[in-house]
All heavy atoms as atom14 arrays in JSON, in Angstrom:
{
  "sequence": "QNTEEDVDYILEVLPGIVERLRSMSPLWEKILAGQTSYE",
  "atom14_mask": [
    [1, 1, 1, 1, 1, 1, 1, 1, 1, 0, 0, 0, 0, 0],
    [1, 1, 1, 1, 1, 1, 1, 1, 0, 0, 0, 0, 0, 0],
    [1, 1, 1, 1, 1, 1, 1, 0, 0, 0, 0, 0, 0, 0],
    [1, 1, 1, 1, 1, 1, 1, 1, 1, 0, 0, 0, 0, 0],
    [1, 1, 1, 1, 1, 1, 1, 1, 1, 0, 0, 0, 0, 0],
    [1, 1, 1, 1, 1, 1, 1, 1, 0, 0, 0, 0, 0, 0],
    [1, 1, 1, 1, 1, 1, 1, 0, 0, 0, 0, 0, 0, 0],
    [1, 1, 1, 1, 1, 1, 1, 1, 0, 0, 0, 0, 0, 0],
    [1, 1, 1, 1, 1, 1, 1, 1, 1, 1, 1, 1, 0, 0],
    [1, 1, 1, 1, 1, 1, 1, 1, 0, 0, 0, 0, 0, 0],
    [1, 1, 1, 1, 1, 1, 1, 1, 0, 0, 0, 0, 0, 0],
    [1, 1, 1, 1, 1, 1, 1, 1, 1, 0, 0, 0, 0, 0],
    [1, 1, 1, 1, 1, 1, 1, 0, 0, 0, 0, 0, 0, 0],
    [1, 1, 1, 1, 1, 1, 1, 1, 0, 0, 0, 0, 0, 0],
    [1, 1, 1, 1, 1, 1, 1, 0, 0, 0, 0, 0, 0, 0],
    [1, 1, 1, 1, 0, 0, 0, 0, 0, 0, 0, 0, 0, 0],
    [1, 1, 1, 1, 1, 1, 1, 1, 0, 0, 0, 0, 0, 0],
    [1, 1, 1, 1, 1, 1, 1, 0, 0, 0, 0, 0, 0, 0],
    [1, 1, 1, 1, 1, 1, 1, 1, 1, 0, 0, 0, 0, 0],
    [1, 1, 1, 1, 1, 1, 1, 1, 1, 1, 1, 0, 0, 0],
    [1, 1, 1, 1, 1, 1, 1, 1, 0, 0, 0, 0, 0, 0],
    [1, 1, 1, 1, 1, 1, 1, 1, 1, 1, 1, 0, 0, 0],
    [1, 1, 1, 1, 1, 1, 0, 0, 0, 0, 0, 0, 0, 0],
    [1, 1, 1, 1, 1, 1, 1, 1, 0, 0, 0, 0, 0, 0],
    [1, 1, 1, 1, 1, 1, 0, 0, 0, 0, 0, 0, 0, 0],
    [1, 1, 1, 1, 1, 1, 1, 0, 0, 0, 0, 0, 0, 0],
    [1, 1, 1, 1, 1, 1, 1, 1, 0, 0, 0, 0, 0, 0],
    [1, 1, 1, 1, 1, 1, 1, 1, 1, 1, 1, 1, 1, 1],
    [1, 1, 1, 1, 1, 1, 1, 1, 1, 0, 0, 0, 0, 0],
    [1, 1, 1, 1, 1, 1, 1, 1, 1, 0, 0, 0, 0, 0],
    [1, 1, 1, 1, 1, 1, 1, 1, 0, 0, 0, 0, 0, 0],
    [1, 1, 1, 1, 1, 1, 1, 1, 0, 0, 0, 0, 0, 0],
    [1, 1, 1, 1, 1, 0, 0, 0, 0, 0, 0, 0, 0, 0],
    [1, 1, 1, 1, 0, 0, 0, 0, 0, 0, 0, 0, 0, 0],
    [1, 1, 1, 1, 1, 1, 1, 1, 1, 0, 0, 0, 0, 0],
    [1, 1, 1, 1, 1, 1, 1, 0, 0, 0, 0, 0, 0, 0],
    [1, 1, 1, 1, 1, 1, 0, 0, 0, 0, 0, 0, 0, 0],
    [1, 1, 1, 1, 1, 1, 1, 1, 1, 1, 1, 1, 0, 0],
    [1, 1, 1, 1, 1, 1, 1, 1, 1, 0, 0, 0, 0, 0]
  ],
  "atom14_positions": [
    [[75.91, 46.55, -66.41], [77.3, 46.62, -66.84], [77.46, 46.4, -68.34], [78.49, 46.73, -68.92], [78.13, 45.55, -66.1], [78.12, 45.67, -64.58], [78.89, 46.88, -64.09], [80.07, 47.05, -64.42], [78.24, 47.73, -63.32], [0.0, 0.0, 0.0], [0.0, 0.0, 0.0], [0.0, 0.0, 0.0], [0.0, 0.0, 0.0], [0.0, 0.0, 0.0]],
    [[76.44, 45.82, -68.97], [76.55, 45.49, -70.4], [76.29, 46.71, -71.27], [75.52, 47.6, -70.9], [75.58, 44.37, -70.77], [75.91, 43.07, -70.07], [75.09, 42.5, -69.36], [77.13, 42.59, -70.26], [0.0, 0.0, 0.0], [0.0, 0.0, 0.0], [0.0, 0.0, 0.0], [0.0, 0.0, 0.0], [0.0, 0.0, 0.0], [0.0, 0.0, 0.0]],
    [[76.92, 46.73, -72.43], [76.84, 47.87, -73.35], [76.38, 47.41, -74.72], [76.35, 46.21, -75.02], [78.22, 48.54, -73.5], [79.12, 47.59, -74.12], [78.77, 48.98, -72.15], [0.0, 0.0, 0.0], [0.0, 0.0, 0.0], [0.0, 0.0, 0.0], [0.0, 0.0, 0.0], [0.0, 0.0, 0.0], [0.0, 0.0, 0.0], [0.0, 0.0, 0.0]],
    [[76.05, 48.37, -75.56], [75.69, 48.05, -76.94], [76.88, 47.43, -77.67], [76.71, 46.57, -78.55], [75.2, 49.3, -77.68], [74.55, 48.99, -79.01], [73.78, 50.18, -79.58], [73.18, 50.93, -78.8], [73.8, 50.32, -80.82], [0.0, 0.0, 0.0], [0.0, 0.0, 0.0], [0.0, 0.0, 0.0], [0.0, 0.0, 0.0], [0.0, 0.0, 0.0]],
    [[78.1, 47.84, -77.29], [79.3, 47.26, -77.88], [79.4, 45.77, -77.55], [79.81, 44.96, -78.39], [80.56, 47.99, -77.39], [80.75, 49.39, -77.95], [79.8, 50.41, -77.34], [79.28, 50.16, -76.22], [79.55, 51.45, -77.99], [0.0, 0.0, 0.0], [0.0, 0.0, 0.0], [0.0, 0.0, 0.0], [0.0, 0.0, 0.0], [0.0, 0.0, 0.0]],
    [[79.03, 45.4, -76.32], [79.01, 43.99, -75.93], [78.06, 43.2, -76.83], [78.4, 42.13, -77.34], [78.53, 43.83, -74.47], [79.52, 44.36, -73.46], [80.7, 44.55, -73.81], [79.1, 44.58, -72.3], [0.0, 0.0, 0.0], [0.0, 0.0, 0.0], [0.0, 0.0, 0.0], [0.0, 0.0, 0.0], [0.0, 0.0, 0.0], [0.0, 0.0, 0.0]],
    [[76.86, 43.75, -77.0], [75.84, 43.08, -77.81], [76.31, 42.96, -79.26], [76.15, 41.91, -79.9], [74.5, 43.83, -77.71], [73.48, 43.25, -78.68], [73.96, 43.76, -76.28], [0.0, 0.0, 0.0], [0.0, 0.0, 0.0], [0.0, 0.0, 0.0], [0.0, 0.0, 0.0], [0.0, 0.0, 0.0], [0.0, 0.0, 0.0], [0.0, 0.0, 0.0]],
    [[76.91, 44.03, -79.79], [77.4, 43.99, -81.17], [78.48, 42.93, -81.34], [78.53, 42.23, -82.37], [77.95, 45.36, -81.58], [76.85, 46.38, -81.86], [75.73, 45.96, -82.2], [77.12, 47.59, -81.73], [0.0, 0.0, 0.0], [0.0, 0.0, 0.0], [0.0, 0.0, 0.0], [0.0, 0.0, 0.0], [0.0, 0.0, 0.0], [0.0, 0.0, 0.0]],
    [[79.36, 42.8, -80.35], [80.42, 41.79, -80.42], [79.81, 40.38, -80.45], [80.23, 39.53, -81.26], [81.37, 41.92, -79.23], [82.36, 40.78, -79.14], [83.42, 40.69, -80.05], [82.23, 39.79, -78.17], [84.32, 39.63, -79.99], [83.12, 38.73, -78.1], [84.17, 38.66, -79.02], [85.05, 37.61, -78.96], [0.0, 0.0, 0.0], [0.0, 0.0, 0.0]],
    [[78.82, 40.14, -79.61], [78.17, 38.82, -79.59], [77.51, 38.54, -80.93], [77.6, 37.43, -81.48], [77.12, 38.75, -78.45], [77.81, 38.9, -77.1], [76.36, 37.43, -78.49], [76.86, 39.19, -75.96], [0.0, 0.0, 0.0], [0.0, 0.0, 0.0], [0.0, 0.0, 0.0], [0.0, 0.0, 0.0], [0.0, 0.0, 0.0], [0.0, 0.0, 0.0]],
    [[76.87, 39.57, -81.49], [76.2, 39.4, -82.77], [77.19, 39.23, -83.93], [76.82, 38.74, -85.0], [75.27, 40.59, -83.03], [74.03, 40.63, -82.11], [73.39, 42.0, -82.13], [73.03, 39.56, -82.52], [0.0, 0.0, 0.0], [0.0, 0.0, 0.0], [0.0, 0.0, 0.0], [0.0, 0.0, 0.0], [0.0, 0.0, 0.0], [0.0, 0.0, 0.0]],
    [[78.44, 39.62, -83.71], [79.49, 39.36, -84.7], [79.88, 37.89, -84.72], [80.08, 37.31, -85.79], [80.75, 40.2, -84.38], [80.73, 41.62, -84.85], [82.01, 42.35, -84.45], [83.06, 41.7, -84.38], [81.94, 43.56, -84.18], [0.0, 0.0, 0.0], [0.0, 0.0, 0.0], [0.0, 0.0, 0.0], [0.0, 0.0, 0.0], [0.0, 0.0, 0.0]],
    [[79.98, 37.29, -83.54], [80.5, 35.92, -83.46], [79.4, 34.85, -83.47], [79.64, 33.73, -83.93], [81.39, 35.73, -82.21], [82.56, 36.7, -82.23], [80.6, 35.88, -80.91], [0.0, 0.0, 0.0], [0.0, 0.0, 0.0], [0.0, 0.0, 0.0], [0.0, 0.0, 0.0], [0.0, 0.0, 0.0], [0.0, 0.0, 0.0], [0.0, 0.0, 0.0]],
    [[78.2, 35.18, -83.0], [77.15, 34.17, -82.85], [76.72, 33.54, -84.17], [76.62, 32.29, -84.25], [75.94, 34.78, -82.13], [74.76, 33.85, -81.85], [75.18, 32.67, -80.98], [73.61, 34.62, -81.18], [0.0, 0.0, 0.0], [0.0, 0.0, 0.0], [0.0, 0.0, 0.0], [0.0, 0.0, 0.0], [0.0, 0.0, 0.0], [0.0, 0.0, 0.0]],
    [[76.47, 34.31, -85.25], [76.06, 33.67, -86.5], [77.07, 32.65, -87.02], [76.7, 31.57, -87.5], [75.9, 34.85, -87.47], [75.62, 36.02, -86.59], [76.44, 35.79, -85.37], [0.0, 0.0, 0.0], [0.0, 0.0, 0.0], [0.0, 0.0, 0.0], [0.0, 0.0, 0.0], [0.0, 0.0, 0.0], [0.0, 0.0, 0.0], [0.0, 0.0, 0.0]],
    [[78.36, 32.96, -86.89], [79.4, 32.05, -87.34], [79.44, 30.77, -86.53], [79.66, 29.68, -87.07], [0.0, 0.0, 0.0], [0.0, 0.0, 0.0], [0.0, 0.0, 0.0], [0.0, 0.0, 0.0], [0.0, 0.0, 0.0], [0.0, 0.0, 0.0], [0.0, 0.0, 0.0], [0.0, 0.0, 0.0], [0.0, 0.0, 0.0], [0.0, 0.0, 0.0]],
    [[79.23, 30.9, -85.21], [79.2, 29.72, -84.34], [78.02, 28.82, -84.69], [78.16, 27.6, -84.8], [79.15, 30.15, -82.86], [80.46, 30.81, -82.45], [78.84, 28.96, -81.96], [80.44, 31.44, -81.06], [0.0, 0.0, 0.0], [0.0, 0.0, 0.0], [0.0, 0.0, 0.0], [0.0, 0.0, 0.0], [0.0, 0.0, 0.0], [0.0, 0.0, 0.0]],
    [[76.86, 29.44, -84.88], [75.66, 28.66, -85.23], [75.87, 27.95, -86.57], [75.56, 26.76, -86.72], [74.42, 29.58, -85.28], [73.22, 28.82, -85.86], [74.1, 30.11, -83.89], [0.0, 0.0, 0.0], [0.0, 0.0, 0.0], [0.0, 0.0, 0.0], [0.0, 0.0, 0.0], [0.0, 0.0, 0.0], [0.0, 0.0, 0.0], [0.0, 0.0, 0.0]],
    [[76.44, 28.67, -87.55], [76.68, 28.08, -88.87], [77.66, 26.91, -88.77], [77.47, 25.86, -89.39], [77.23, 29.15, -89.81], [77.39, 28.68, -91.24], [77.88, 29.79, -92.17], [77.97, 30.95, -91.71], [78.17, 29.48, -93.34], [0.0, 0.0, 0.0], [0.0, 0.0, 0.0], [0.0, 0.0, 0.0], [0.0, 0.0, 0.0], [0.0, 0.0, 0.0]],
    [[78.71, 27.08, -87.95], [79.71, 26.02, -87.78], [79.09, 24.77, -87.17], [79.34, 23.65, -87.64], [80.85, 26.53, -86.9], [81.91, 25.5, -86.58], [82.96, 26.09, -85.66], [83.86, 25.06, -85.16], [84.8, 25.27, -84.23], [84.96, 26.49, -83.73], [85.57, 24.28, -83.83], [0.0, 0.0, 0.0], [0.0, 0.0, 0.0], [0.0, 0.0, 0.0]],
    [[78.27, 24.96, -86.13], [77.65, 23.81, -85.47], [76.62, 23.14, -86.38], [76.5, 21.9, -86.4], [76.99, 24.25, -84.16], [77.97, 24.68, -83.05], [77.2, 25.26, -81.86], [78.83, 23.5, -82.6], [0.0, 0.0, 0.0], [0.0, 0.0, 0.0], [0.0, 0.0, 0.0], [0.0, 0.0, 0.0], [0.0, 0.0, 0.0], [0.0, 0.0, 0.0]],
    [[75.88, 23.93, -87.12], [74.89, 23.35, -88.04], [75.56, 22.56, -89.16], [75.01, 21.56, -89.65], [74.0, 24.45, -88.61], [72.94, 24.92, -87.64], [72.11, 26.06, -88.21], [71.01, 26.39, -87.31], [70.26, 27.48, -87.4], [70.49, 28.37, -88.37], [69.28, 27.7, -86.54], [0.0, 0.0, 0.0], [0.0, 0.0, 0.0], [0.0, 0.0, 0.0]],
    [[76.76, 22.99, -89.56], [77.46, 22.28, -90.64], [77.82, 20.86, -90.24], [78.1, 20.02, -91.09], [78.72, 23.05, -91.05], [79.7, 22.99, -90.02], [0.0, 0.0, 0.0], [0.0, 0.0, 0.0], [0.0, 0.0, 0.0], [0.0, 0.0, 0.0], [0.0, 0.0, 0.0], [0.0, 0.0, 0.0], [0.0, 0.0, 0.0], [0.0, 0.0, 0.0]],
    [[77.82, 20.58, -88.93], [78.13, 19.24, -88.42], [76.89, 18.36, -88.32], [76.98, 17.18, -88.02], [78.78, 19.34, -87.04], [80.04, 20.17, -86.98], [80.63, 20.32, -85.27], [81.92, 21.57, -85.47], [0.0, 0.0, 0.0], [0.0, 0.0, 0.0], [0.0, 0.0, 0.0], [0.0, 0.0, 0.0], [0.0, 0.0, 0.0], [0.0, 0.0, 0.0]],
    [[75.71, 18.96, -88.56], [74.46, 18.23, -88.4], [74.03, 17.57, -89.7], [73.85, 18.26, -90.72], [73.36, 19.18, -87.92], [72.09, 18.59, -88.05], [0.0, 0.0, 0.0], [0.0, 0.0, 0.0], [0.0, 0.0, 0.0], [0.0, 0.0, 0.0], [0.0, 0.0, 0.0], [0.0, 0.0, 0.0], [0.0, 0.0, 0.0], [0.0, 0.0, 0.0]],
    [[73.85, 16.23, -89.72], [73.37, 15.55, -90.94], [72.0, 16.08, -91.38], [71.73, 16.18, -92.58], [73.28, 14.09, -90.51], [74.18, 13.97, -89.31], [74.12, 15.29, -88.63], [0.0, 0.0, 0.0], [0.0, 0.0, 0.0], [0.0, 0.0, 0.0], [0.0, 0.0, 0.0], [0.0, 0.0, 0.0], [0.0, 0.0, 0.0], [0.0, 0.0, 0.0]],
    [[71.15, 16.43, -90.41], [69.82, 16.94, -90.75], [69.92, 18.29, -91.46], [69.18, 18.57, -92.4], [68.96, 17.06, -89.49], [67.51, 17.52, -89.69], [66.78, 16.58, -90.64], [66.79, 17.59, -88.35], [0.0, 0.0, 0.0], [0.0, 0.0, 0.0], [0.0, 0.0, 0.0], [0.0, 0.0, 0.0], [0.0, 0.0, 0.0], [0.0, 0.0, 0.0]],
    [[70.86, 19.12, -91.02], [71.05, 20.43, -91.64], [71.48, 20.28, -93.1], [71.05, 21.01, -93.98], [72.08, 21.24, -90.86], [72.35, 22.61, -91.39], [73.53, 23.08, -91.9], [71.45, 23.71, -91.48], [73.41, 24.38, -92.29], [72.14, 24.8, -92.04], [70.1, 23.87, -91.13], [71.54, 26.04, -92.27], [69.5, 25.11, -91.35], [70.22, 26.17, -91.91]],
    [[72.33, 19.27, -93.37], [72.76, 19.01, -94.75], [71.57, 18.65, -95.63], [71.48, 19.09, -96.78], [73.79, 17.86, -94.76], [75.13, 18.23, -94.16], [76.11, 17.06, -94.18], [75.82, 16.07, -94.87], [77.14, 17.16, -93.49], [0.0, 0.0, 0.0], [0.0, 0.0, 0.0], [0.0, 0.0, 0.0], [0.0, 0.0, 0.0], [0.0, 0.0, 0.0]],
    [[70.64, 17.88, -95.07], [69.44, 17.49, -95.83], [68.54, 18.71, -96.07], [67.92, 18.83, -97.13], [68.67, 16.41, -95.08], [69.39, 15.06, -95.05], [68.56, 14.02, -94.31], [69.28, 12.67, -94.29], [68.49, 11.64, -93.56], [0.0, 0.0, 0.0], [0.0, 0.0, 0.0], [0.0, 0.0, 0.0], [0.0, 0.0, 0.0], [0.0, 0.0, 0.0]],
    [[68.47, 19.61, -95.08], [67.68, 20.83, -95.24], [68.24, 21.65, -96.4], [67.5, 22.12, -97.28], [67.69, 21.67, -93.94], [66.97, 20.95, -92.8], [67.1, 23.06, -94.17], [65.48, 20.92, -92.9], [0.0, 0.0, 0.0], [0.0, 0.0, 0.0], [0.0, 0.0, 0.0], [0.0, 0.0, 0.0], [0.0, 0.0, 0.0], [0.0, 0.0, 0.0]],
    [[69.56, 21.83, -96.41], [70.2, 22.62, -97.46], [70.03, 21.98, -98.83], [69.91, 22.67, -99.85], [71.7, 22.8, -97.15], [72.05, 23.64, -95.92], [73.55, 23.69, -95.7], [71.49, 25.07, -96.06], [0.0, 0.0, 0.0], [0.0, 0.0, 0.0], [0.0, 0.0, 0.0], [0.0, 0.0, 0.0], [0.0, 0.0, 0.0], [0.0, 0.0, 0.0]],
    [[70.02, 20.65, -98.86], [69.88, 19.93, -100.13], [68.43, 19.81, -100.58], [68.15, 19.28, -101.65], [70.51, 18.55, -100.01], [0.0, 0.0, 0.0], [0.0, 0.0, 0.0], [0.0, 0.0, 0.0], [0.0, 0.0, 0.0], [0.0, 0.0, 0.0], [0.0, 0.0, 0.0], [0.0, 0.0, 0.0], [0.0, 0.0, 0.0], [0.0, 0.0, 0.0]],
    [[67.5, 20.28, -99.72], [66.09, 20.21, -100.05], [65.5, 18.82, -99.96], [64.44, 18.54, -100.49], [0.0, 0.0, 0.0], [0.0, 0.0, 0.0], [0.0, 0.0, 0.0], [0.0, 0.0, 0.0], [0.0, 0.0, 0.0], [0.0, 0.0, 0.0], [0.0, 0.0, 0.0], [0.0, 0.0, 0.0], [0.0, 0.0, 0.0], [0.0, 0.0, 0.0]],
    [[66.22, 17.93, -99.23], [65.76, 16.55, -99.11], [64.73, 16.37, -98.0], [64.07, 15.35, -97.91], [66.95, 15.62, -98.86], [67.93, 15.58, -100.02], [69.18, 14.78, -99.68], [69.26, 14.11, -98.66], [70.17, 14.87, -100.56], [0.0, 0.0, 0.0], [0.0, 0.0, 0.0], [0.0, 0.0, 0.0], [0.0, 0.0, 0.0], [0.0, 0.0, 0.0]],
    [[64.64, 17.35, -97.11], [63.63, 17.3, -96.04], [63.21, 18.72, -95.72], [63.92, 19.68, -96.04], [64.18, 16.59, -94.78], [63.12, 16.43, -93.83], [65.29, 17.39, -94.12], [0.0, 0.0, 0.0], [0.0, 0.0, 0.0], [0.0, 0.0, 0.0], [0.0, 0.0, 0.0], [0.0, 0.0, 0.0], [0.0, 0.0, 0.0], [0.0, 0.0, 0.0]],
    [[62.07, 18.88, -95.09], [61.57, 20.21, -94.76], [62.02, 20.63, -93.38], [62.38, 19.79, -92.55], [60.04, 20.25, -94.84], [59.48, 19.46, -93.8], [0.0, 0.0, 0.0], [0.0, 0.0, 0.0], [0.0, 0.0, 0.0], [0.0, 0.0, 0.0], [0.0, 0.0, 0.0], [0.0, 0.0, 0.0], [0.0, 0.0, 0.0], [0.0, 0.0, 0.0]],
    [[61.98, 21.95, -93.15], [62.35, 22.51, -91.84], [61.46, 21.97, -90.76], [61.87, 21.62, -89.67], [62.28, 24.04, -91.93], [62.28, 24.75, -90.6], [63.3, 24.56, -89.68], [61.24, 25.61, -90.27], [63.31, 25.22, -88.46], [61.23, 26.27, -89.06], [62.27, 26.07, -88.16], [62.25, 26.72, -86.96], [0.0, 0.0, 0.0], [0.0, 0.0, 0.0]],
    [[60.15, 21.88, -91.04], [59.2, 21.41, -90.06], [59.33, 19.9, -89.87], [59.04, 19.37, -88.86], [57.76, 21.76, -90.49], [57.51, 23.27, -90.53], [57.7, 23.97, -89.2], [57.48, 23.33, -88.17], [58.04, 25.16, -89.2], [0.0, 0.0, 0.0], [0.0, 0.0, 0.0], [0.0, 0.0, 0.0], [0.0, 0.0, 0.0], [0.0, 0.0, 0.0]]
  ]
}
């Protein structure tokens, strides 16, 4: 039942949701600031 349009819609909203949730993470802030490594 799923279409390429369905997948495109999810890919429109998913990056923003991930970015929003990561912005709430103290660890993510340290990653962006270069204070700790990804690993």
